[in-house]
Amino acid sequence: MLWPEVDPIIQQHHKLRTYSGPCEASVDTFRRADLVDLSLGLIRAGLNPAFIQAVRAQFPNAHFHARLVAFTGRQLLRTPLNPLPMMRW
């Protein structure tokens, strides 16, 4: 494998709990960043709110979160007992 960190980062970036395993530091950092992004900064993962605000200003979400809400609503209608299949514990 060329980059051993890439596979666990992709596989675990929707994990809600702390990741432990191969490439732990990189994987868990990416996982936390994804959670901060998903929550629009409501979950800060130890980051300064001013930093989160600056990043959000620099990189607008271009309606990404609106699409997430639409996809989640559609998934909820299809499989009400599993509305967030991409999330991992």
PDB file of N, CA and C in Angstrom:
ATOM      1  N   MET A   1       0.851  -1.168   0.000  1.00  0.00           N
ATOM      2  CA  MET A   1       0.000   0.000   0.000  1.00  0.00           C
ATOM      3  C   MET A   1       0.901   1.238   0.000  1.00  0.00           C
ATOM      4  N   LEU A   2       0.597   2.177  -0.888  1.00  0.00           N
ATOM      5  CA  LEU A   2       1.430   3.351  -1.047  1.00  0.00           C
ATOM      6  C   LEU A   2       1.337   4.290   0.153  1.00  0.00           C
ATOM      7  N   TRP A   3       0.130   4.594   0.589  1.00  0.00           N
ATOM      8  CA  TRP A   3      -0.083   5.471   1.743  1.00  0.00           C
ATOM      9  C   TRP A   3      -0.916   4.721   2.770  1.00  0.00           C
ATOM     10  N   PRO A   4      -0.297   4.135   3.761  1.00  0.00           N
ATOM     11  CA  PRO A   4      -1.045   3.306   4.716  1.00  0.00           C
ATOM     12  C   PRO A   4      -2.051   4.102   5.549  1.00  0.00           C
ATOM     13  N   GLU A   5      -1.940   5.428   5.598  1.00  0.00           N
ATOM     14  CA  GLU A   5      -2.890   6.214   6.386  1.00  0.00           C
ATOM     15  C   GLU A   5      -4.205   6.463   5.652  1.00  0.00           C
ATOM     16  N   VAL A   6      -4.184   6.450   4.339  1.00  0.00           N
ATOM     17  CA  VAL A   6      -5.359   6.854   3.578  1.00  0.00           C
ATOM     18  C   VAL A   6      -6.545   5.926   3.817  1.00  0.00           C
ATOM     19  N   ASP A   7      -6.344   4.627   3.770  1.00  0.00           N
ATOM     20  CA  ASP A   7      -7.458   3.690   3.942  1.00  0.00           C
ATOM     21  C   ASP A   7      -8.150   3.865   5.289  1.00  0.00           C
ATOM     22  N   PRO A   8      -7.436   3.861   6.417  1.00  0.00           N
ATOM     23  CA  PRO A   8      -8.160   4.046   7.681  1.00  0.00           C
ATOM     24  C   PRO A   8      -8.786   5.441   7.815  1.00  0.00           C
ATOM     25  N   ILE A   9      -8.190   6.462   7.216  1.00  0.00           N
ATOM     26  CA  ILE A   9      -8.807   7.791   7.261  1.00  0.00           C
ATOM     27  C   ILE A   9     -10.161   7.745   6.561  1.00  0.00           C
ATOM     28  N   ILE A  10     -10.205   7.156   5.380  1.00  0.00           N
ATOM     29  CA  ILE A  10     -11.464   7.054   4.635  1.00  0.00           C
ATOM     30  C   ILE A  10     -12.464   6.186   5.387  1.00  0.00           C
ATOM     31  N   GLN A  11     -12.016   5.048   5.886  1.00  0.00           N
ATOM     32  CA  GLN A  11     -12.917   4.110   6.550  1.00  0.00           C
ATOM     33  C   GLN A  11     -13.471   4.637   7.873  1.00  0.00           C
ATOM     34  N   GLN A  12     -12.711   5.460   8.568  1.00  0.00           N
ATOM     35  CA  GLN A  12     -13.088   5.853   9.929  1.00  0.00           C
ATOM     36  C   GLN A  12     -13.509   7.316  10.076  1.00  0.00           C
ATOM     37  N   HIS A  13     -13.585   8.087   9.003  1.00  0.00           N
ATOM     38  CA  HIS A  13     -13.852   9.515   9.186  1.00  0.00           C
ATOM     39  C   HIS A  13     -15.271   9.827   9.648  1.00  0.00           C
ATOM     40  N   HIS A  14     -16.187   8.876   9.596  1.00  0.00           N
ATOM     41  CA  HIS A  14     -17.537   9.084  10.134  1.00  0.00           C
ATOM     42  C   HIS A  14     -17.717   8.445  11.512  1.00  0.00           C
ATOM     43  N   LYS A  15     -16.656   8.020  12.101  1.00  0.00           N
ATOM     44  CA  LYS A  15     -16.713   7.396  13.425  1.00  0.00           C
ATOM     45  C   LYS A  15     -16.983   8.475  14.475  1.00  0.00           C
ATOM     46  N   LEU A  16     -17.897   8.198  15.391  1.00  0.00           N
ATOM     47  CA  LEU A  16     -18.261   9.174  16.417  1.00  0.00           C
ATOM     48  C   LEU A  16     -17.333   9.139  17.623  1.00  0.00           C
ATOM     49  N   ARG A  17     -16.863   7.969  17.974  1.00  0.00           N
ATOM     50  CA  ARG A  17     -15.959   7.842  19.122  1.00  0.00           C
ATOM     51  C   ARG A  17     -14.510   7.935  18.676  1.00  0.00           C
ATOM     52  N   THR A  18     -13.635   8.153  19.635  1.00  0.00           N
ATOM     53  CA  THR A  18     -12.207   8.245  19.353  1.00  0.00           C
ATOM     54  C   THR A  18     -11.718   6.987  18.653  1.00  0.00           C
ATOM     55  N   TYR A  19     -10.911   7.180  17.639  1.00  0.00           N
ATOM     56  CA  TYR A  19     -10.333   6.060  16.903  1.00  0.00           C
ATOM     57  C   TYR A  19      -9.027   5.644  17.555  1.00  0.00           C
ATOM     58  N   SER A  20      -8.818   4.364  17.662  1.00  0.00           N
ATOM     59  CA  SER A  20      -7.513   3.845  18.066  1.00  0.00           C
ATOM     60  C   SER A  20      -7.193   2.683  17.137  1.00  0.00           C
ATOM     61  N   GLY A  21      -5.993   2.689  16.652  1.00  0.00           N
ATOM     62  CA  GLY A  21      -5.581   1.660  15.715  1.00  0.00           C
ATOM     63  C   GLY A  21      -4.447   2.189  14.862  1.00  0.00           C
ATOM     64  N   PRO A  22      -4.214   1.551  13.702  1.00  0.00           N
ATOM     65  CA  PRO A  22      -3.136   1.994  12.831  1.00  0.00           C
ATOM     66  C   PRO A  22      -3.293   3.467  12.433  1.00  0.00           C
ATOM     67  N   CYS A  23      -2.197   4.191  12.447  1.00  0.00           N
ATOM     68  CA  CYS A  23      -2.175   5.610  12.045  1.00  0.00           C
ATOM     69  C   CYS A  23      -3.128   6.442  12.898  1.00  0.00           C
ATOM     70  N   GLU A  24      -3.181   6.116  14.165  1.00  0.00           N
ATOM     71  CA  GLU A  24      -4.142   6.695  15.101  1.00  0.00           C
ATOM     72  C   GLU A  24      -4.169   8.222  15.095  1.00  0.00           C
ATOM     73  N   ALA A  25      -3.021   8.867  15.145  1.00  0.00           N
ATOM     74  CA  ALA A  25      -2.987  10.335  15.239  1.00  0.00           C
ATOM     75  C   ALA A  25      -3.606  10.979  14.005  1.00  0.00           C
ATOM     76  N   SER A  26      -3.216  10.529  12.830  1.00  0.00           N
ATOM     77  CA  SER A  26      -3.754  11.114  11.600  1.00  0.00           C
ATOM     78  C   SER A  26      -5.235  10.816  11.430  1.00  0.00           C
ATOM     79  N   VAL A  27      -5.612   9.579  11.653  1.00  0.00           N
ATOM     80  CA  VAL A  27      -7.003   9.162  11.466  1.00  0.00           C
ATOM     81  C   VAL A  27      -7.916   9.906  12.436  1.00  0.00           C
ATOM     82  N   ASP A  28      -7.536   9.982  13.703  1.00  0.00           N
ATOM     83  CA  ASP A  28      -8.410  10.627  14.669  1.00  0.00           C
ATOM     84  C   ASP A  28      -8.471  12.137  14.445  1.00  0.00           C
ATOM     85  N   THR A  29      -7.386  12.745  14.000  1.00  0.00           N
ATOM     86  CA  THR A  29      -7.405  14.171  13.674  1.00  0.00           C
ATOM     87  C   THR A  29      -8.382  14.447  12.542  1.00  0.00           C
ATOM     88  N   PHE A  30      -8.334  13.640  11.499  1.00  0.00           N
ATOM     89  CA  PHE A  30      -9.248  13.812  10.377  1.00  0.00           C
ATOM     90  C   PHE A  30     -10.688  13.558  10.810  1.00  0.00           C
ATOM     91  N   ARG A  31     -10.893  12.544  11.634  1.00  0.00           N
ATOM     92  CA  ARG A  31     -12.232  12.213  12.129  1.00  0.00           C
ATOM     93  C   ARG A  31     -12.818  13.391  12.902  1.00  0.00           C
ATOM     94  N   ARG A  32     -12.014  13.992  13.780  1.00  0.00           N
ATOM     95  CA  ARG A  32     -12.484  15.137  14.573  1.00  0.00           C
ATOM     96  C   ARG A  32     -12.773  16.335  13.679  1.00  0.00           C
ATOM     97  N   ALA A  33     -11.920  16.576  12.690  1.00  0.00           N
ATOM     98  CA  ALA A  33     -12.146  17.691  11.763  1.00  0.00           C
ATOM     99  C   ALA A  33     -13.444  17.498  10.992  1.00  0.00           C
ATOM    100  N   ASP A  34     -13.717  16.275  10.578  1.00  0.00           N
ATOM    101  CA  ASP A  34     -14.958  15.989   9.859  1.00  0.00           C
ATOM    102  C   ASP A  34     -16.172  16.253  10.749  1.00  0.00           C
ATOM    103  N   LEU A  35     -16.081  15.900  12.014  1.00  0.00           N
ATOM    104  CA  LEU A  35     -17.176  16.131  12.950  1.00  0.00           C
ATOM    105  C   LEU A  35     -17.389  17.625  13.199  1.00  0.00           C
ATOM    106  N   VAL A  36     -16.313  18.385  13.287  1.00  0.00           N
ATOM    107  CA  VAL A  36     -16.429  19.846  13.425  1.00  0.00           C
ATOM    108  C   VAL A  36     -17.122  20.413  12.191  1.00  0.00           C
ATOM    109  N   ASP A  37     -16.722  19.962  11.021  1.00  0.00           N
ATOM    110  CA  ASP A  37     -17.337  20.435   9.781  1.00  0.00           C
ATOM    111  C   ASP A  37     -18.809  20.059   9.721  1.00  0.00           C
ATOM    112  N   LEU A  38     -19.117  18.816   9.991  1.00  0.00           N
ATOM    113  CA  LEU A  38     -20.501  18.346   9.940  1.00  0.00           C
ATOM    114  C   LEU A  38     -21.400  19.150  10.874  1.00  0.00           C
ATOM    115  N   SER A  39     -20.904  19.473  12.052  1.00  0.00           N
ATOM    116  CA  SER A  39     -21.714  20.175  13.050  1.00  0.00           C
ATOM    117  C   SER A  39     -21.680  21.698  12.871  1.00  0.00           C
ATOM    118  N   LEU A  40     -21.042  22.159  11.805  1.00  0.00           N
ATOM    119  CA  LEU A  40     -20.893  23.605  11.551  1.00  0.00           C
ATOM    120  C   LEU A  40     -20.206  24.308  12.716  1.00  0.00           C
ATOM    121  N   GLY A  41     -19.325  23.597  13.398  1.00  0.00           N
ATOM    122  CA  GLY A  41     -18.565  24.178  14.492  1.00  0.00           C
ATOM    123  C   GLY A  41     -19.236  24.089  15.847  1.00  0.00           C
ATOM    124  N   LEU A  42     -20.437  23.519  15.923  1.00  0.00           N
ATOM    125  CA  LEU A  42     -21.088  23.353  17.229  1.00  0.00           C
ATOM    126  C   LEU A  42     -20.299  22.385  18.097  1.00  0.00           C
ATOM    127  N   ILE A  43     -19.763  21.361  17.471  1.00  0.00           N
ATOM    128  CA  ILE A  43     -18.819  20.468  18.145  1.00  0.00           C
ATOM    129  C   ILE A  43     -17.439  20.989  17.745  1.00  0.00           C
ATOM    130  N   ARG A  44     -16.651  21.389  18.723  1.00  0.00           N
ATOM    131  CA  ARG A  44     -15.384  22.060  18.425  1.00  0.00           C
ATOM    132  C   ARG A  44     -14.166  21.158  18.524  1.00  0.00           C
ATOM    133  N   ALA A  45     -14.270  20.022  19.154  1.00  0.00           N
ATOM    134  CA  ALA A  45     -13.155  19.071  19.264  1.00  0.00           C
ATOM    135  C   ALA A  45     -11.884  19.739  19.768  1.00  0.00           C
ATOM    136  N   GLY A  46     -12.040  20.667  20.706  1.00  0.00           N
ATOM    137  CA  GLY A  46     -10.881  21.319  21.297  1.00  0.00           C
ATOM    138  C   GLY A  46     -10.334  22.494  20.504  1.00  0.00           C
ATOM    139  N   LEU A  47     -10.961  22.832  19.391  1.00  0.00           N
ATOM    140  CA  LEU A  47     -10.480  23.945  18.577  1.00  0.00           C
ATOM    141  C   LEU A  47     -11.068  25.270  19.064  1.00  0.00           C
ATOM    142  N   ASN A  48     -10.316  26.319  18.887  1.00  0.00           N
ATOM    143  CA  ASN A  48     -10.755  27.659  19.238  1.00  0.00           C
ATOM    144  C   ASN A  48     -11.907  28.066  18.319  1.00  0.00           C
ATOM    145  N   PRO A  49     -13.010  28.588  18.868  1.00  0.00           N
ATOM    146  CA  PRO A  49     -14.132  28.997  18.019  1.00  0.00           C
ATOM    147  C   PRO A  49     -13.750  30.028  16.957  1.00  0.00           C
ATOM    148  N   ALA A  50     -12.819  30.926  17.273  1.00  0.00           N
ATOM    149  CA  ALA A  50     -12.377  31.921  16.286  1.00  0.00           C
ATOM    150  C   ALA A  50     -11.686  31.245  15.106  1.00  0.00           C
ATOM    151  N   PHE A  51     -10.925  30.191  15.383  1.00  0.00           N
ATOM    152  CA  PHE A  51     -10.259  29.448  14.310  1.00  0.00           C
ATOM    153  C   PHE A  51     -11.292  28.770  13.412  1.00  0.00           C
ATOM    154  N   ILE A  52     -12.287  28.158  14.027  1.00  0.00           N
ATOM    155  CA  ILE A  52     -13.340  27.489  13.256  1.00  0.00           C
ATOM    156  C   ILE A  52     -14.063  28.510  12.377  1.00  0.00           C
ATOM    157  N   GLN A  53     -14.368  29.649  12.946  1.00  0.00           N
ATOM    158  CA  GLN A  53     -15.053  30.703  12.196  1.00  0.00           C
ATOM    159  C   GLN A  53     -14.189  31.177  11.018  1.00  0.00           C
ATOM    160  N   ALA A  54     -12.893  31.334  11.245  1.00  0.00           N
ATOM    161  CA  ALA A  54     -11.993  31.768  10.174  1.00  0.00           C
ATOM    162  C   ALA A  54     -11.924  30.734   9.051  1.00  0.00           C
ATOM    163  N   VAL A  55     -11.868  29.469   9.411  1.00  0.00           N
ATOM    164  CA  VAL A  55     -11.838  28.407   8.398  1.00  0.00           C
ATOM    165  C   VAL A  55     -13.141  28.386   7.618  1.00  0.00           C
ATOM    166  N   ARG A  56     -14.256  28.507   8.312  1.00  0.00           N
ATOM    167  CA  ARG A  56     -15.562  28.509   7.637  1.00  0.00           C
ATOM    168  C   ARG A  56     -15.697  29.703   6.699  1.00  0.00           C
ATOM    169  N   ALA A  57     -15.139  30.846   7.079  1.00  0.00           N
ATOM    170  CA  ALA A  57     -15.182  32.024   6.215  1.00  0.00           C
ATOM    171  C   ALA A  57     -14.309  31.824   4.973  1.00  0.00           C
ATOM    172  N   GLN A  58     -13.184  31.170   5.154  1.00  0.00           N
ATOM    173  CA  GLN A  58     -12.254  30.927   4.045  1.00  0.00           C
ATOM    174  C   GLN A  58     -12.788  29.881   3.068  1.00  0.00           C
ATOM    175  N   PHE A  59     -13.502  28.892   3.597  1.00  0.00           N
ATOM    176  CA  PHE A  59     -14.000  27.792   2.778  1.00  0.00           C
ATOM    177  C   PHE A  59     -15.509  27.658   2.949  1.00  0.00           C
ATOM    178  N   PRO A  60     -16.293  28.442   2.227  1.00  0.00           N
ATOM    179  CA  PRO A  60     -17.750  28.349   2.360  1.00  0.00           C
ATOM    180  C   PRO A  60     -18.245  26.962   1.949  1.00  0.00           C
ATOM    181  N   ASN A  61     -19.347  26.535   2.556  1.00  0.00           N
ATOM    182  CA  ASN A  61     -19.786  25.153   2.335  1.00  0.00           C
ATOM    183  C   ASN A  61     -20.576  24.954   1.047  1.00  0.00           C
ATOM    184  N   ALA A  62     -20.910  26.024   0.341  1.00  0.00           N
ATOM    185  CA  ALA A  62     -21.574  25.923  -0.972  1.00  0.00           C
ATOM    186  C   ALA A  62     -22.788  24.993  -0.925  1.00  0.00           C
ATOM    187  N   HIS A  63     -23.607  25.161   0.080  1.00  0.00           N
ATOM    188  CA  HIS A  63     -24.854  24.392   0.253  1.00  0.00           C
ATOM    189  C   HIS A  63     -24.623  22.912   0.559  1.00  0.00           C
ATOM    190  N   PHE A  64     -23.418  22.563   0.959  1.00  0.00           N
ATOM    191  CA  PHE A  64     -23.100  21.173   1.283  1.00  0.00           C
ATOM    192  C   PHE A  64     -24.004  20.647   2.397  1.00  0.00           C
ATOM    193  N   HIS A  65     -24.198  21.431   3.447  1.00  0.00           N
ATOM    194  CA  HIS A  65     -25.002  20.968   4.574  1.00  0.00           C
ATOM    195  C   HIS A  65     -26.477  20.855   4.208  1.00  0.00           C
ATOM    196  N   ALA A  66     -26.952  21.706   3.312  1.00  0.00           N
ATOM    197  CA  ALA A  66     -28.332  21.578   2.833  1.00  0.00           C
ATOM    198  C   ALA A  66     -28.507  20.253   2.093  1.00  0.00           C
ATOM    199  N   ARG A  67     -27.506  19.874   1.315  1.00  0.00           N
ATOM    200  CA  ARG A  67     -27.564  18.583   0.618  1.00  0.00           C
ATOM    201  C   ARG A  67     -27.529  17.426   1.611  1.00  0.00           C
ATOM    202  N   LEU A  68     -26.729  17.560   2.658  1.00  0.00           N
ATOM    203  CA  LEU A  68     -26.697  16.515   3.681  1.00  0.00           C
ATOM    204  C   LEU A  68     -28.062  16.329   4.317  1.00  0.00           C
ATOM    205  N   VAL A  69     -28.736  17.425   4.610  1.00  0.00           N
ATOM    206  CA  VAL A  69     -30.078  17.349   5.198  1.00  0.00           C
ATOM    207  C   VAL A  69     -31.033  16.659   4.222  1.00  0.00           C
ATOM    208  N   ALA A  70     -30.958  17.012   2.944  1.00  0.00           N
ATOM    209  CA  ALA A  70     -31.829  16.388   1.941  1.00  0.00           C
ATOM    210  C   ALA A  70     -31.539  14.889   1.822  1.00  0.00           C
ATOM    211  N   PHE A  71     -30.262  14.533   1.752  1.00  0.00           N
ATOM    212  CA  PHE A  71     -29.899  13.105   1.659  1.00  0.00           C
ATOM    213  C   PHE A  71     -30.342  12.340   2.903  1.00  0.00           C
ATOM    214  N   THR A  72     -30.186  12.958   4.070  1.00  0.00           N
ATOM    215  CA  THR A  72     -30.591  12.299   5.315  1.00  0.00           C
ATOM    216  C   THR A  72     -32.102  12.102   5.351  1.00  0.00           C
ATOM    217  N   GLY A  73     -32.857  13.116   4.915  1.00  0.00           N
ATOM    218  CA  GLY A  73     -34.320  12.987   4.863  1.00  0.00           C
ATOM    219  C   GLY A  73     -34.751  11.873   3.937  1.00  0.00           C
ATOM    220  N   ARG A  74     -34.104  11.786   2.774  1.00  0.00           N
ATOM    221  CA  ARG A  74     -34.431  10.719   1.826  1.00  0.00           C
ATOM    222  C   ARG A  74     -34.087   9.352   2.406  1.00  0.00           C
ATOM    223  N   GLN A  75     -32.938   9.264   3.056  1.00  0.00           N
ATOM    224  CA  GLN A  75     -32.528   8.003   3.676  1.00  0.00           C
ATOM    225  C   GLN A  75     -33.492   7.615   4.795  1.00  0.00           C
ATOM    226  N   LEU A  76     -33.937   8.594   5.562  1.00  0.00           N
ATOM    227  CA  LEU A  76     -34.890   8.339   6.652  1.00  0.00           C
ATOM    228  C   LEU A  76     -36.191   7.750   6.115  1.00  0.00           C
ATOM    229  N   LEU A  77     -36.650   8.265   4.988  1.00  0.00           N
ATOM    230  CA  LEU A  77     -37.873   7.723   4.380  1.00  0.00           C
ATOM    231  C   LEU A  77     -37.669   6.304   3.865  1.00  0.00           C
ATOM    232  N   ARG A  78     -36.499   6.031   3.323  1.00  0.00           N
ATOM    233  CA  ARG A  78     -36.209   4.693   2.782  1.00  0.00           C
ATOM    234  C   ARG A  78     -35.993   3.662   3.872  1.00  0.00           C
ATOM    235  N   THR A  79     -35.212   4.025   4.873  1.00  0.00           N
ATOM    236  CA  THR A  79     -34.868   3.083   5.940  1.00  0.00           C
ATOM    237  C   THR A  79     -34.980   3.794   7.289  1.00  0.00           C
ATOM    238  N   PRO A  80     -36.187   3.924   7.813  1.00  0.00           N
ATOM    239  CA  PRO A  80     -36.378   4.697   9.047  1.00  0.00           C
ATOM    240  C   PRO A  80     -35.624   4.155  10.263  1.00  0.00           C
ATOM    241  N   LEU A  81     -35.286   2.895  10.262  1.00  0.00           N
ATOM    242  CA  LEU A  81     -34.556   2.334  11.389  1.00  0.00           C
ATOM    243  C   LEU A  81     -33.045   2.494  11.258  1.00  0.00           C
ATOM    244  N   ASN A  82     -32.598   2.996  10.123  1.00  0.00           N
ATOM    245  CA  ASN A  82     -31.173   3.193   9.889  1.00  0.00           C
ATOM    246  C   ASN A  82     -30.960   4.471   9.066  1.00  0.00           C
ATOM    247  N   PRO A  83     -31.311   5.636   9.631  1.00  0.00           N
ATOM    248  CA  PRO A  83     -31.260   6.870   8.842  1.00  0.00           C
ATOM    249  C   PRO A  83     -29.856   7.385   8.562  1.00  0.00           C
ATOM    250  N   LEU A  84     -28.873   6.951   9.309  1.00  0.00           N
ATOM    251  CA  LEU A  84     -27.497   7.411   9.117  1.00  0.00           C
ATOM    252  C   LEU A  84     -26.557   6.215   8.961  1.00  0.00           C
ATOM    253  N   PRO A  85     -26.669   5.472   7.859  1.00  0.00           N
ATOM    254  CA  PRO A  85     -25.877   4.241   7.731  1.00  0.00           C
ATOM    255  C   PRO A  85     -24.378   4.493   7.631  1.00  0.00           C
ATOM    256  N   MET A  86     -23.987   5.714   7.300  1.00  0.00           N
ATOM    257  CA  MET A  86     -22.558   5.992   7.149  1.00  0.00           C
ATOM    258  C   MET A  86     -21.863   6.221   8.477  1.00  0.00           C
ATOM    259  N   MET A  87     -22.616   6.489   9.533  1.00  0.00           N
ATOM    260  CA  MET A  87     -22.023   6.765  10.843  1.00  0.00           C
ATOM    261  C   MET A  87     -21.574   5.461  11.506  1.00  0.00           C
ATOM    262  N   ARG A  88     -20.456   5.566  12.204  1.00  0.00           N
ATOM    263  CA  ARG A  88     -19.891   4.400  12.902  1.00  0.00           C
ATOM    264  C   ARG A  88     -19.683   4.768  14.382  1.00  0.00           C
ATOM    265  N   TRP A  89     -19.816   3.784  15.242  1.00  0.00           N
ATOM    266  CA  TRP A  89     -19.523   4.033  16.666  1.00  0.00           C
ATOM    267  C   TRP A  89     -18.059   3.878  16.874  1.00  0.00           C
TER     268      TRP A  89
END
